[in-house]
Amino acid sequence: MPRLTITPLTPTIGAVIGNVDLSKTLDGEQIADIRAALLQHKVVFFEDQHITPVQHRDFAARFGDLHTHPLYPGVPEAPEMFILDNHASNPTDNDAWHTDVTFIETPPLGAILYAKLLPENGGDTCWANMQAAYEALSKPLQRFLSELDAVHDFNRGFPAKRTVAQAAGAEKYTKAAEEHPPVVHPVVRTHPETGADGLFVNYGFTERLKGLRRNESEALLNMLFVHIQKPEFQVRWKWKPNSIAFWDNRITQHYAVNDYLPARRVMHRATILGDRPYNRARKPLDRIAAE
């Protein structure tokens, strides 16, 4: 099989992988090369790929078990995946920096997003490197944050009156909310494969920092939410038809730029389950509800 080509996009994050056809069954060496590129560059991109939903699902499953989202509509041919179909009547809810599905005990390892229909202009996605964001903080703040845990809440990311919840319907939303009580993750997460530490709080799902007063928690979280947005930590991807992004959800955040309405943007996503977040100095915590 041909060797992959890897073209970095920035010194900090992002690379394009070429010389590979994801509609084919890749051998173990190719999968290992893609995983290595993902670990190094945090998010990798593939261009001009023509894959069916089943091929998309099967490629994602080479990296781990798949997560089925409790709210978004599934892809009929591969219900483990879901559809992001945004337009004037269904605006995006992803235009905030977030790490996917941190409201469960084992947040995703990563996700693979495939462009099915794009607006003529706009609709880019930005990713940020949380290892770089953590390492840019002062050493005293790094030490302080490494001792903290944070509550991540499904209801923060998916309020009952917002677009996704309304589209899912009251019965489906109520069931999802009941099945996903708040969980606790370390503020600084040690990557299980690289051993690197990175920030693991995000505007989308992190409700508060445990052990701090409410005003202290809000001030510190707001500072971190602003800090991670520095351009030095980021790559911005301009989507092309049939292009694919594969990101390491354990060490990145992303933001879907909401600048294309009323045009339509349709994406298919497969989400790969990960393991329980931990900090190198502490054991993983049991799931607990927010106090």
C-alpha atoms as a PDB file:
ATOM      1  CA  MET A   1       0.000   0.000   0.000  1.00  0.00           C
ATOM      2  CA  PRO A   2       1.233   3.562  -0.694  1.00  0.00           C
ATOM      3  CA  ARG A   3       2.706   5.620   2.131  1.00  0.00           C
ATOM      4  CA  LEU A   4       0.691   8.545   3.402  1.00  0.00           C
ATOM      5  CA  THR A   5       1.834  12.093   2.849  1.00  0.00           C
ATOM      6  CA  ILE A   6       1.497  14.523   5.768  1.00  0.00           C
ATOM      7  CA  THR A   7       1.550  18.288   5.250  1.00  0.00           C
ATOM      8  CA  PRO A   8       1.448  20.392   8.455  1.00  0.00           C
ATOM      9  CA  LEU A   9      -0.793  23.463   8.401  1.00  0.00           C
ATOM     10  CA  THR A  10       0.626  25.344  11.409  1.00  0.00           C
ATOM     11  CA  PRO A  11       3.504  24.683  13.806  1.00  0.00           C
ATOM     12  CA  THR A  12       1.008  24.021  16.610  1.00  0.00           C
ATOM     13  CA  ILE A  13      -1.957  22.134  15.189  1.00  0.00           C
ATOM     14  CA  GLY A  14      -3.352  20.632  12.009  1.00  0.00           C
ATOM     15  CA  ALA A  15      -2.094  18.637   9.030  1.00  0.00           C
ATOM     16  CA  VAL A  16      -3.447  17.371   5.709  1.00  0.00           C
ATOM     17  CA  ILE A  17      -3.027  13.661   5.028  1.00  0.00           C
ATOM     18  CA  GLY A  18      -2.740  12.688   1.373  1.00  0.00           C
ATOM     19  CA  ASN A  19      -2.189   9.628  -0.769  1.00  0.00           C
ATOM     20  CA  VAL A  20      -4.986   7.661   0.863  1.00  0.00           C
ATOM     21  CA  ASP A  21      -8.474   6.587  -0.246  1.00  0.00           C
ATOM     22  CA  LEU A  22     -10.806   6.196   2.726  1.00  0.00           C
ATOM     23  CA  SER A  23     -13.352   4.315   0.638  1.00  0.00           C
ATOM     24  CA  LYS A  24     -10.920   1.383   0.686  1.00  0.00           C
ATOM     25  CA  THR A  25     -10.225  -0.922   3.621  1.00  0.00           C
ATOM     26  CA  LEU A  26      -6.928   0.354   5.004  1.00  0.00           C
ATOM     27  CA  ASP A  27      -4.289  -2.015   6.316  1.00  0.00           C
ATOM     28  CA  GLY A  28      -3.006  -1.928   9.879  1.00  0.00           C
ATOM     29  CA  GLU A  29       0.094   0.082   8.957  1.00  0.00           C
ATOM     30  CA  GLN A  30      -1.982   2.834   7.347  1.00  0.00           C
ATOM     31  CA  ILE A  31      -4.299   3.031  10.355  1.00  0.00           C
ATOM     32  CA  ALA A  32      -1.252   3.235  12.640  1.00  0.00           C
ATOM     33  CA  ASP A  33       0.186   6.048  10.494  1.00  0.00           C
ATOM     34  CA  ILE A  34      -3.077   8.001  10.677  1.00  0.00           C
ATOM     35  CA  ARG A  35      -3.213   7.539  14.447  1.00  0.00           C
ATOM     36  CA  ALA A  36       0.389   8.729  14.763  1.00  0.00           C
ATOM     37  CA  ALA A  37      -0.382  11.810  12.663  1.00  0.00           C
ATOM     38  CA  LEU A  38      -3.453  12.503  14.775  1.00  0.00           C
ATOM     39  CA  LEU A  39      -1.434  12.313  17.985  1.00  0.00           C
ATOM     40  CA  GLN A  40       1.217  14.641  16.610  1.00  0.00           C
ATOM     41  CA  HIS A  41      -0.998  17.225  14.877  1.00  0.00           C
ATOM     42  CA  LYS A  42      -4.196  16.991  17.001  1.00  0.00           C
ATOM     43  CA  VAL A  43      -6.488  17.352  13.958  1.00  0.00           C
ATOM     44  CA  VAL A  44      -5.907  15.891  10.492  1.00  0.00           C
ATOM     45  CA  PHE A  45      -7.729  16.527   7.236  1.00  0.00           C
ATOM     46  CA  PHE A  46      -8.407  14.446   4.145  1.00  0.00           C
ATOM     47  CA  GLU A  47      -9.484  15.986   0.838  1.00  0.00           C
ATOM     48  CA  ASP A  48     -11.495  14.693  -2.124  1.00  0.00           C
ATOM     49  CA  GLN A  49     -12.822  11.601  -0.356  1.00  0.00           C
ATOM     50  CA  HIS A  50     -15.897   9.825  -1.698  1.00  0.00           C
ATOM     51  CA  ILE A  51     -17.250   7.535   1.016  1.00  0.00           C
ATOM     52  CA  THR A  52     -20.629   6.101   1.877  1.00  0.00           C
ATOM     53  CA  PRO A  53     -22.058   6.388   5.400  1.00  0.00           C
ATOM     54  CA  VAL A  54     -21.175   2.738   6.002  1.00  0.00           C
ATOM     55  CA  GLN A  55     -17.592   3.298   4.861  1.00  0.00           C
ATOM     56  CA  HIS A  56     -17.409   6.384   7.076  1.00  0.00           C
ATOM     57  CA  ARG A  57     -18.649   4.393  10.063  1.00  0.00           C
ATOM     58  CA  ASP A  58     -16.333   1.470   9.398  1.00  0.00           C
ATOM     59  CA  PHE A  59     -13.285   3.751   9.089  1.00  0.00           C
ATOM     60  CA  ALA A  60     -14.112   5.421  12.406  1.00  0.00           C
ATOM     61  CA  ALA A  61     -14.616   2.024  14.063  1.00  0.00           C
ATOM     62  CA  ARG A  62     -10.983   1.131  13.290  1.00  0.00           C
ATOM     63  CA  PHE A  63     -10.046   3.541  16.111  1.00  0.00           C
ATOM     64  CA  GLY A  64     -12.523   2.403  18.767  1.00  0.00           C
ATOM     65  CA  ASP A  65     -16.152   1.834  19.698  1.00  0.00           C
ATOM     66  CA  LEU A  66     -18.590   4.425  18.413  1.00  0.00           C
ATOM     67  CA  HIS A  67     -20.803   6.743  20.448  1.00  0.00           C
ATOM     68  CA  THR A  68     -24.445   7.294  19.478  1.00  0.00           C
ATOM     69  CA  HIS A  69     -25.562  10.829  20.270  1.00  0.00           C
ATOM     70  CA  PRO A  70     -28.689  11.046  22.447  1.00  0.00           C
ATOM     71  CA  LEU A  71     -30.241  13.991  20.557  1.00  0.00           C
ATOM     72  CA  TYR A  72     -29.014  14.480  16.997  1.00  0.00           C
ATOM     73  CA  PRO A  73     -30.727  12.541  14.183  1.00  0.00           C
ATOM     74  CA  GLY A  74     -28.850   9.475  13.019  1.00  0.00           C
ATOM     75  CA  VAL A  75     -27.703   8.676   9.489  1.00  0.00           C
ATOM     76  CA  PRO A  76     -30.236   6.098   8.186  1.00  0.00           C
ATOM     77  CA  GLU A  77     -27.634   3.734   6.674  1.00  0.00           C
ATOM     78  CA  ALA A  78     -25.361   3.967   9.730  1.00  0.00           C
ATOM     79  CA  PRO A  79     -27.375   5.050  12.794  1.00  0.00           C
ATOM     80  CA  GLU A  80     -24.287   5.162  15.025  1.00  0.00           C
ATOM     81  CA  MET A  81     -23.409   8.396  13.200  1.00  0.00           C
ATOM     82  CA  PHE A  82     -25.428  11.581  13.133  1.00  0.00           C
ATOM     83  CA  ILE A  83     -26.351  14.428  10.814  1.00  0.00           C
ATOM     84  CA  LEU A  84     -25.616  18.114  11.308  1.00  0.00           C
ATOM     85  CA  ASP A  85     -28.007  19.880   8.930  1.00  0.00           C
ATOM     86  CA  ASN A  86     -27.979  23.624   9.523  1.00  0.00           C
ATOM     87  CA  HIS A  87     -29.914  26.296   7.638  1.00  0.00           C
ATOM     88  CA  ALA A  88     -32.105  29.322   8.310  1.00  0.00           C
ATOM     89  CA  SER A  89     -34.773  27.247  10.076  1.00  0.00           C
ATOM     90  CA  ASN A  90     -32.243  25.154  12.003  1.00  0.00           C
ATOM     91  CA  PRO A  91     -29.263  27.357  12.943  1.00  0.00           C
ATOM     92  CA  THR A  92     -26.133  25.767  14.353  1.00  0.00           C
ATOM     93  CA  ASP A  93     -25.633  25.398  18.101  1.00  0.00           C
ATOM     94  CA  ASN A  94     -21.901  24.674  17.700  1.00  0.00           C
ATOM     95  CA  ASP A  95     -20.751  28.303  17.403  1.00  0.00           C
ATOM     96  CA  ALA A  96     -19.021  28.203  20.791  1.00  0.00           C
ATOM     97  CA  TRP A  97     -15.715  26.640  21.750  1.00  0.00           C
ATOM     98  CA  HIS A  98     -16.262  23.118  23.043  1.00  0.00           C
ATOM     99  CA  THR A  99     -14.885  19.622  23.442  1.00  0.00           C
ATOM    100  CA  ASP A 100     -17.400  17.006  22.341  1.00  0.00           C
ATOM    101  CA  VAL A 101     -19.602  15.051  24.735  1.00  0.00           C
ATOM    102  CA  THR A 102     -17.683  15.787  27.947  1.00  0.00           C
ATOM    103  CA  PHE A 103     -20.988  15.198  29.755  1.00  0.00           C
ATOM    104  CA  ILE A 104     -20.290  11.434  29.885  1.00  0.00           C
ATOM    105  CA  GLU A 105     -17.777   9.470  31.992  1.00  0.00           C
ATOM    106  CA  THR A 106     -15.700   8.440  28.970  1.00  0.00           C
ATOM    107  CA  PRO A 107     -15.707  11.416  26.569  1.00  0.00           C
ATOM    108  CA  PRO A 108     -14.842  10.698  22.954  1.00  0.00           C
ATOM    109  CA  LEU A 109     -11.339   9.901  21.791  1.00  0.00           C
ATOM    110  CA  GLY A 110     -12.166  11.786  18.633  1.00  0.00           C
ATOM    111  CA  ALA A 111     -14.621  12.441  15.855  1.00  0.00           C
ATOM    112  CA  ILE A 112     -14.617  12.213  12.067  1.00  0.00           C
ATOM    113  CA  LEU A 113     -16.637  14.864  10.224  1.00  0.00           C
ATOM    114  CA  TYR A 114     -17.462  14.604   6.510  1.00  0.00           C
ATOM    115  CA  ALA A 115     -18.671  17.535   4.387  1.00  0.00           C
ATOM    116  CA  LYS A 116     -21.793  16.512   2.476  1.00  0.00           C
ATOM    117  CA  LEU A 117     -23.219  19.911   1.437  1.00  0.00           C
ATOM    118  CA  LEU A 118     -21.476  23.240   1.877  1.00  0.00           C
ATOM    119  CA  PRO A 119     -22.474  26.883   1.552  1.00  0.00           C
ATOM    120  CA  GLU A 120     -20.866  28.809  -1.300  1.00  0.00           C
ATOM    121  CA  ASN A 121     -18.949  30.859   1.262  1.00  0.00           C
ATOM    122  CA  GLY A 122     -18.272  30.506   4.982  1.00  0.00           C
ATOM    123  CA  GLY A 123     -18.910  27.621   7.323  1.00  0.00           C
ATOM    124  CA  ASP A 124     -15.279  27.105   8.351  1.00  0.00           C
ATOM    125  CA  THR A 125     -14.330  25.224  11.535  1.00  0.00           C
ATOM    126  CA  CYS A 126     -11.556  26.211  13.952  1.00  0.00           C
ATOM    127  CA  TRP A 127      -9.641  23.846  16.247  1.00  0.00           C
ATOM    128  CA  ALA A 128      -7.419  24.783  19.198  1.00  0.00           C
ATOM    129  CA  ASN A 129      -4.607  22.792  20.827  1.00  0.00           C
ATOM    130  CA  MET A 130      -5.265  22.427  24.576  1.00  0.00           C
ATOM    131  CA  GLN A 131      -1.756  21.177  25.300  1.00  0.00           C
ATOM    132  CA  ALA A 132      -0.351  24.423  23.881  1.00  0.00           C
ATOM    133  CA  ALA A 133      -2.954  26.430  25.807  1.00  0.00           C
ATOM    134  CA  TYR A 134      -1.992  24.728  29.072  1.00  0.00           C
ATOM    135  CA  GLU A 135       1.734  25.090  28.495  1.00  0.00           C
ATOM    136  CA  ALA A 136       1.291  28.828  27.804  1.00  0.00           C
ATOM    137  CA  LEU A 137      -0.012  29.387  31.353  1.00  0.00           C
ATOM    138  CA  SER A 138       2.321  30.339  34.201  1.00  0.00           C
ATOM    139  CA  LYS A 139       3.778  27.476  36.229  1.00  0.00           C
ATOM    140  CA  PRO A 140       1.969  28.512  39.451  1.00  0.00           C
ATOM    141  CA  LEU A 141      -1.372  28.545  37.610  1.00  0.00           C
ATOM    142  CA  GLN A 142      -0.600  25.184  36.010  1.00  0.00           C
ATOM    143  CA  ARG A 143       0.035  23.682  39.438  1.00  0.00           C
ATOM    144  CA  PHE A 144      -3.143  25.188  40.881  1.00  0.00           C
ATOM    145  CA  LEU A 145      -5.326  23.982  38.010  1.00  0.00           C
ATOM    146  CA  SER A 146      -3.854  20.472  38.107  1.00  0.00           C
ATOM    147  CA  GLU A 147      -5.383  19.973  41.560  1.00  0.00           C
ATOM    148  CA  LEU A 148      -8.906  20.967  40.489  1.00  0.00           C
ATOM    149  CA  ASP A 149     -11.886  19.079  39.117  1.00  0.00           C
ATOM    150  CA  ALA A 150     -14.792  20.455  37.119  1.00  0.00           C
ATOM    151  CA  VAL A 151     -18.470  19.565  36.746  1.00  0.00           C
ATOM    152  CA  HIS A 152     -19.602  18.935  33.152  1.00  0.00           C
ATOM    153  CA  ASP A 153     -23.336  19.146  32.527  1.00  0.00           C
ATOM    154  CA  PHE A 154     -25.450  17.888  29.610  1.00  0.00           C
ATOM    155  CA  ASN A 155     -28.065  20.563  30.351  1.00  0.00           C
ATOM    156  CA  ARG A 156     -25.542  23.368  29.958  1.00  0.00           C
ATOM    157  CA  GLY A 157     -24.703  22.284  26.428  1.00  0.00           C
ATOM    158  CA  PHE A 158     -28.242  21.344  25.470  1.00  0.00           C
ATOM    159  CA  PRO A 159     -30.777  23.622  27.225  1.00  0.00           C
ATOM    160  CA  ALA A 160     -34.375  22.490  26.852  1.00  0.00           C
ATOM    161  CA  LYS A 161     -35.428  25.569  24.895  1.00  0.00           C
ATOM    162  CA  ARG A 162     -32.573  25.613  22.369  1.00  0.00           C
ATOM    163  CA  THR A 163     -32.592  24.334  18.790  1.00  0.00           C
ATOM    164  CA  VAL A 164     -31.224  20.801  19.260  1.00  0.00           C
ATOM    165  CA  ALA A 165     -33.494  19.958  22.187  1.00  0.00           C
ATOM    166  CA  GLN A 166     -36.556  21.310  20.415  1.00  0.00           C
ATOM    167  CA  ALA A 167     -35.756  19.403  17.238  1.00  0.00           C
ATOM    168  CA  ALA A 168     -35.268  16.158  19.187  1.00  0.00           C
ATOM    169  CA  GLY A 169     -38.691  16.444  20.838  1.00  0.00           C
ATOM    170  CA  ALA A 170     -39.710  16.536  24.480  1.00  0.00           C
ATOM    171  CA  GLU A 171     -39.738  12.755  25.038  1.00  0.00           C
ATOM    172  CA  LYS A 172     -36.290  12.155  23.559  1.00  0.00           C
ATOM    173  CA  TYR A 173     -34.825  15.179  25.322  1.00  0.00           C
ATOM    174  CA  THR A 174     -36.246  14.234  28.727  1.00  0.00           C
ATOM    175  CA  LYS A 175     -34.880  10.715  28.396  1.00  0.00           C
ATOM    176  CA  ALA A 176     -31.433  12.018  27.399  1.00  0.00           C
ATOM    177  CA  ALA A 177     -31.304  14.483  30.285  1.00  0.00           C
ATOM    178  CA  GLU A 178     -32.286  11.783  32.800  1.00  0.00           C
ATOM    179  CA  GLU A 179     -29.644   9.397  31.472  1.00  0.00           C
ATOM    180  CA  HIS A 180     -26.857  11.979  31.618  1.00  0.00           C
ATOM    181  CA  PRO A 181     -26.455  13.449  35.110  1.00  0.00           C
ATOM    182  CA  PRO A 182     -23.523  15.821  35.683  1.00  0.00           C
ATOM    183  CA  VAL A 183     -20.075  14.227  35.776  1.00  0.00           C
ATOM    184  CA  VAL A 184     -16.698  15.316  37.140  1.00  0.00           C
ATOM    185  CA  HIS A 185     -13.442  15.480  35.149  1.00  0.00           C
ATOM    186  CA  PRO A 186     -10.005  16.874  36.018  1.00  0.00           C
ATOM    187  CA  VAL A 187      -9.363  20.436  34.853  1.00  0.00           C
ATOM    188  CA  VAL A 188      -5.969  19.312  33.545  1.00  0.00           C
ATOM    189  CA  ARG A 189      -6.167  16.037  31.673  1.00  0.00           C
ATOM    190  CA  THR A 190      -3.218  13.750  30.968  1.00  0.00           C
ATOM    191  CA  HIS A 191      -3.414  12.376  27.439  1.00  0.00           C
ATOM    192  CA  PRO A 192      -3.563   8.561  27.700  1.00  0.00           C
ATOM    193  CA  GLU A 193      -1.335   7.962  24.654  1.00  0.00           C
ATOM    194  CA  THR A 194       1.158  10.833  24.574  1.00  0.00           C
ATOM    195  CA  GLY A 195       1.333  11.603  28.300  1.00  0.00           C
ATOM    196  CA  ALA A 196       0.934  15.326  27.584  1.00  0.00           C
ATOM    197  CA  ASP A 197      -1.165  17.498  29.896  1.00  0.00           C
ATOM    198  CA  GLY A 198      -3.849  19.770  28.474  1.00  0.00           C
ATOM    199  CA  LEU A 199      -6.738  21.915  29.629  1.00  0.00           C
ATOM    200  CA  PHE A 200      -9.987  19.955  29.820  1.00  0.00           C
ATOM    201  CA  VAL A 201     -12.641  22.585  30.508  1.00  0.00           C
ATOM    202  CA  ASN A 202     -14.875  24.017  27.794  1.00  0.00           C
ATOM    203  CA  TYR A 203     -17.585  26.632  27.471  1.00  0.00           C
ATOM    204  CA  GLY A 204     -20.013  24.131  25.986  1.00  0.00           C
ATOM    205  CA  PHE A 205     -20.305  21.745  28.933  1.00  0.00           C
ATOM    206  CA  THR A 206     -18.197  22.848  31.929  1.00  0.00           C
ATOM    207  CA  GLU A 207     -20.567  24.234  34.546  1.00  0.00           C
ATOM    208  CA  ARG A 208     -18.253  24.981  37.472  1.00  0.00           C
ATOM    209  CA  LEU A 209     -15.024  24.184  39.292  1.00  0.00           C
ATOM    210  CA  LYS A 210     -15.414  22.040  42.386  1.00  0.00           C
ATOM    211  CA  GLY A 211     -14.149  23.356  45.700  1.00  0.00           C
ATOM    212  CA  LEU A 212     -14.262  27.026  44.677  1.00  0.00           C
ATOM    213  CA  ARG A 213     -16.859  29.649  45.493  1.00  0.00           C
ATOM    214  CA  ARG A 214     -19.241  30.392  42.642  1.00  0.00           C
ATOM    215  CA  ASN A 215     -17.692  33.786  41.843  1.00  0.00           C
ATOM    216  CA  GLU A 216     -14.176  32.288  41.948  1.00  0.00           C
ATOM    217  CA  SER A 217     -15.201  29.454  39.644  1.00  0.00           C
ATOM    218  CA  GLU A 218     -16.865  31.778  37.140  1.00  0.00           C
ATOM    219  CA  ALA A 219     -13.901  34.166  37.065  1.00  0.00           C
ATOM    220  CA  LEU A 220     -11.350  31.406  36.540  1.00  0.00           C
ATOM    221  CA  LEU A 221     -13.391  29.555  33.936  1.00  0.00           C
ATOM    222  CA  ASN A 222     -14.072  32.757  32.002  1.00  0.00           C
ATOM    223  CA  MET A 223     -10.360  33.516  31.976  1.00  0.00           C
ATOM    224  CA  LEU A 224      -9.592  30.049  30.611  1.00  0.00           C
ATOM    225  CA  PHE A 225     -12.385  30.239  28.017  1.00  0.00           C
ATOM    226  CA  VAL A 226     -10.830  33.460  26.677  1.00  0.00           C
ATOM    227  CA  HIS A 227      -7.265  32.149  26.945  1.00  0.00           C
ATOM    228  CA  ILE A 228      -7.861  29.095  24.748  1.00  0.00           C
ATOM    229  CA  GLN A 229      -9.023  31.344  21.878  1.00  0.00           C
ATOM    230  CA  LYS A 230      -5.547  32.785  21.158  1.00  0.00           C
ATOM    231  CA  PRO A 231      -4.775  32.419  17.434  1.00  0.00           C
ATOM    232  CA  GLU A 232      -1.396  30.881  18.278  1.00  0.00           C
ATOM    233  CA  PHE A 233      -3.201  27.730  19.460  1.00  0.00           C
ATOM    234  CA  GLN A 234      -5.470  27.420  16.423  1.00  0.00           C
ATOM    235  CA  VAL A 235      -5.956  26.199  12.900  1.00  0.00           C
ATOM    236  CA  ARG A 236      -8.893  27.303  10.729  1.00  0.00           C
ATOM    237  CA  TRP A 237     -10.120  24.843   8.121  1.00  0.00           C
ATOM    238  CA  LYS A 238     -11.928  26.026   5.006  1.00  0.00           C
ATOM    239  CA  TRP A 239     -14.112  23.120   4.009  1.00  0.00           C
ATOM    240  CA  LYS A 240     -14.160  21.770   0.471  1.00  0.00           C
ATOM    241  CA  PRO A 241     -16.739  19.327  -0.910  1.00  0.00           C
ATOM    242  CA  ASN A 242     -16.006  15.761   0.244  1.00  0.00           C
ATOM    243  CA  SER A 243     -13.303  16.772   2.689  1.00  0.00           C
ATOM    244  CA  ILE A 244     -12.960  15.152   6.121  1.00  0.00           C
ATOM    245  CA  ALA A 245     -11.655  16.279   9.504  1.00  0.00           C
ATOM    246  CA  PHE A 246     -10.512  13.839  12.205  1.00  0.00           C
ATOM    247  CA  TRP A 247      -9.694  15.426  15.557  1.00  0.00           C
ATOM    248  CA  ASP A 248      -8.317  14.213  18.867  1.00  0.00           C
ATOM    249  CA  ASN A 249     -11.086  15.250  21.236  1.00  0.00           C
ATOM    250  CA  ARG A 250      -8.903  14.576  24.281  1.00  0.00           C
ATOM    251  CA  ILE A 251      -6.553  17.480  23.576  1.00  0.00           C
ATOM    252  CA  THR A 252      -8.532  19.944  21.397  1.00  0.00           C
ATOM    253  CA  GLN A 253     -11.539  22.220  21.309  1.00  0.00           C
ATOM    254  CA  HIS A 254     -13.348  23.381  18.188  1.00  0.00           C
ATOM    255  CA  TYR A 255     -15.715  26.074  16.978  1.00  0.00           C
ATOM    256  CA  ALA A 256     -18.086  25.962  13.988  1.00  0.00           C
ATOM    257  CA  VAL A 257     -18.098  29.430  12.433  1.00  0.00           C
ATOM    258  CA  ASN A 258     -21.725  30.541  12.053  1.00  0.00           C
ATOM    259  CA  ASP A 259     -21.391  32.957   9.132  1.00  0.00           C
ATOM    260  CA  TYR A 260     -23.240  31.238   6.300  1.00  0.00           C
ATOM    261  CA  LEU A 261     -26.960  31.473   7.076  1.00  0.00           C
ATOM    262  CA  PRO A 262     -29.424  31.371   5.372  1.00  0.00           C
ATOM    263  CA  ALA A 263     -27.359  28.974   3.237  1.00  0.00           C
ATOM    264  CA  ARG A 264     -27.405  25.272   4.122  1.00  0.00           C
ATOM    265  CA  ARG A 265     -24.538  23.176   5.507  1.00  0.00           C
ATOM    266  CA  VAL A 266     -24.832  19.378   5.932  1.00  0.00           C
ATOM    267  CA  MET A 267     -22.191  17.246   7.652  1.00  0.00           C
ATOM    268  CA  HIS A 268     -22.043  13.601   8.779  1.00  0.00           C
ATOM    269  CA  ARG A 269     -20.177  12.757  11.964  1.00  0.00           C
ATOM    270  CA  ALA A 270     -18.903   9.562  13.538  1.00  0.00           C
ATOM    271  CA  THR A 271     -17.806   9.846  17.170  1.00  0.00           C
ATOM    272  CA  ILE A 272     -15.272   7.446  18.712  1.00  0.00           C
ATOM    273  CA  LEU A 273     -15.531   6.692  22.414  1.00  0.00           C
ATOM    274  CA  GLY A 274     -12.519   7.305  24.616  1.00  0.00           C
ATOM    275  CA  ASP A 275     -11.540   6.475  28.159  1.00  0.00           C
ATOM    276  CA  ARG A 276     -12.007   8.083  31.539  1.00  0.00           C
ATOM    277  CA  PRO A 277     -10.061  11.367  31.873  1.00  0.00           C
ATOM    278  CA  TYR A 278      -7.403  11.500  34.579  1.00  0.00           C
ATOM    279  CA  ASN A 279      -4.594  13.689  35.831  1.00  0.00           C
ATOM    280  CA  ARG A 280      -1.183  12.042  36.117  1.00  0.00           C
ATOM    281  CA  ALA A 281      -0.965  12.937  39.817  1.00  0.00           C
ATOM    282  CA  ARG A 282      -4.430  11.687  40.780  1.00  0.00           C
ATOM    283  CA  LYS A 283      -6.620   8.666  40.227  1.00  0.00           C
ATOM    284  CA  PRO A 284      -9.785   8.995  38.111  1.00  0.00           C
ATOM    285  CA  LEU A 285     -12.833  10.082  40.066  1.00  0.00           C
ATOM    286  CA  ASP A 286     -16.105   8.230  40.291  1.00  0.00           C
ATOM    287  CA  ARG A 287     -19.039   9.897  38.584  1.00  0.00           C
ATOM    288  CA  ILE A 288     -20.925  12.179  40.921  1.00  0.00           C
ATOM    289  CA  ALA A 289     -23.826  14.527  40.497  1.00  0.00           C
ATOM    290  CA  ALA A 290     -23.269  18.252  40.880  1.00  0.00           C
ATOM    291  CA  GLU A 291     -23.762  19.353  44.457  1.00  0.00           C
END
